[in-house]
Amino acid sequence: MSDPTRLRDSTQIVLPAEAVESLEPQLTEEFTITVFPEGENYCRIIGSPVEIKAVGEFLARRGVSVP
């Protein structure tokens, strides 16, 4: 059985909102994801494990550090 924490980590990325705001239109156009505001300072990017991996690579190529 899968560990819930591992599954959650493979289906979402939580980042400061300012790191994503200028890239959000590109992200939602290129990937099948949802960008969900998490308060005023953070946002949560949610998608399938395959999409989240691709989003992480996309963000890293643009200098955004993905935990």
C-alpha atoms as a PDB file:
ATOM      1  CA  MET A   1       0.000   0.000   0.000  1.00  0.00           C
ATOM      2  CA  SER A   2       1.278   3.500  -0.806  1.00  0.00           C
ATOM      3  CA  ASP A   3       2.314   5.922   1.882  1.00  0.00           C
ATOM      4  CA  PRO A   4      -0.159   8.876   1.845  1.00  0.00           C
ATOM      5  CA  THR A   5       2.640  11.410   2.346  1.00  0.00           C
ATOM      6  CA  ARG A   6       4.577  10.079  -0.630  1.00  0.00           C
ATOM      7  CA  LEU A   7       1.464  10.113  -2.810  1.00  0.00           C
ATOM      8  CA  ARG A   8       0.657  13.688  -1.762  1.00  0.00           C
ATOM      9  CA  ASP A   9       4.227  14.805  -2.506  1.00  0.00           C
ATOM     10  CA  SER A  10       4.009  13.317  -5.996  1.00  0.00           C
ATOM     11  CA  THR A  11       0.742  15.103  -6.816  1.00  0.00           C
ATOM     12  CA  GLN A  12       1.385  18.633  -5.592  1.00  0.00           C
ATOM     13  CA  ILE A  13       3.978  21.378  -5.282  1.00  0.00           C
ATOM     14  CA  VAL A  14       3.646  24.182  -2.719  1.00  0.00           C
ATOM     15  CA  LEU A  15       5.563  27.353  -3.538  1.00  0.00           C
ATOM     16  CA  PRO A  16       5.558  31.030  -2.616  1.00  0.00           C
ATOM     17  CA  ALA A  17       2.887  32.763  -4.692  1.00  0.00           C
ATOM     18  CA  GLU A  18       5.368  35.304  -6.052  1.00  0.00           C
ATOM     19  CA  ALA A  19       7.480  32.499  -7.559  1.00  0.00           C
ATOM     20  CA  VAL A  20       4.542  31.247  -9.612  1.00  0.00           C
ATOM     21  CA  GLU A  21       2.405  34.290 -10.436  1.00  0.00           C
ATOM     22  CA  SER A  22       4.234  35.317 -13.641  1.00  0.00           C
ATOM     23  CA  LEU A  23       4.443  31.694 -14.836  1.00  0.00           C
ATOM     24  CA  GLU A  24       0.877  30.646 -13.990  1.00  0.00           C
ATOM     25  CA  PRO A  25      -0.587  31.369 -17.461  1.00  0.00           C
ATOM     26  CA  GLN A  26       2.119  29.240 -19.104  1.00  0.00           C
ATOM     27  CA  LEU A  27       1.710  26.475 -16.538  1.00  0.00           C
ATOM     28  CA  THR A  28      -2.052  26.173 -16.910  1.00  0.00           C
ATOM     29  CA  GLU A  29      -1.807  26.319 -20.701  1.00  0.00           C
ATOM     30  CA  GLU A  30       0.941  23.709 -21.041  1.00  0.00           C
ATOM     31  CA  PHE A  31       0.031  21.287 -18.235  1.00  0.00           C
ATOM     32  CA  THR A  32      -3.150  19.678 -16.907  1.00  0.00           C
ATOM     33  CA  ILE A  33      -2.922  21.133 -13.404  1.00  0.00           C
ATOM     34  CA  THR A  34      -4.782  23.315 -10.954  1.00  0.00           C
ATOM     35  CA  VAL A  35      -3.104  26.269  -9.260  1.00  0.00           C
ATOM     36  CA  PHE A  36      -4.808  26.839  -5.931  1.00  0.00           C
ATOM     37  CA  PRO A  37      -4.047  29.857  -3.706  1.00  0.00           C
ATOM     38  CA  GLU A  38      -2.964  28.828  -0.225  1.00  0.00           C
ATOM     39  CA  GLY A  39      -3.538  32.013   1.745  1.00  0.00           C
ATOM     40  CA  GLU A  40      -1.848  35.195   0.556  1.00  0.00           C
ATOM     41  CA  ASN A  41       1.717  33.934   0.466  1.00  0.00           C
ATOM     42  CA  TYR A  42       1.642  30.447  -1.048  1.00  0.00           C
ATOM     43  CA  CYS A  43       0.042  28.511  -3.856  1.00  0.00           C
ATOM     44  CA  ARG A  44      -0.457  24.808  -4.376  1.00  0.00           C
ATOM     45  CA  ILE A  45      -0.008  23.259  -7.824  1.00  0.00           C
ATOM     46  CA  ILE A  46      -2.018  20.042  -8.034  1.00  0.00           C
ATOM     47  CA  GLY A  47      -1.924  17.416 -10.777  1.00  0.00           C
ATOM     48  CA  SER A  48      -1.085  13.827 -11.632  1.00  0.00           C
ATOM     49  CA  PRO A  49       2.369  12.541 -10.682  1.00  0.00           C
ATOM     50  CA  VAL A  50       3.444  12.721 -14.332  1.00  0.00           C
ATOM     51  CA  GLU A  51       2.260  16.326 -14.678  1.00  0.00           C
ATOM     52  CA  ILE A  52       3.789  17.389 -11.352  1.00  0.00           C
ATOM     53  CA  LYS A  53       7.160  15.950 -12.385  1.00  0.00           C
ATOM     54  CA  ALA A  54       6.989  17.850 -15.687  1.00  0.00           C
ATOM     55  CA  VAL A  55       5.919  21.055 -13.900  1.00  0.00           C
ATOM     56  CA  GLY A  56       8.858  20.692 -11.495  1.00  0.00           C
ATOM     57  CA  GLU A  57      11.251  20.403 -14.440  1.00  0.00           C
ATOM     58  CA  PHE A  58       9.590  23.374 -16.176  1.00  0.00           C
ATOM     59  CA  LEU A  59       9.954  25.514 -13.047  1.00  0.00           C
ATOM     60  CA  ALA A  60      13.561  24.419 -12.453  1.00  0.00           C
ATOM     61  CA  ARG A  61      14.503  25.437 -16.020  1.00  0.00           C
ATOM     62  CA  ARG A  62      13.142  28.890 -15.195  1.00  0.00           C
ATOM     63  CA  GLY A  63      15.108  29.210 -11.971  1.00  0.00           C
ATOM     64  CA  VAL A  64      12.318  28.359  -9.525  1.00  0.00           C
ATOM     65  CA  SER A  65      13.560  26.092  -6.745  1.00  0.00           C
ATOM     66  CA  VAL A  66      11.146  23.195  -6.223  1.00  0.00           C
ATOM     67  CA  PRO A  67      11.375  21.445  -2.845  1.00  0.00           C
END
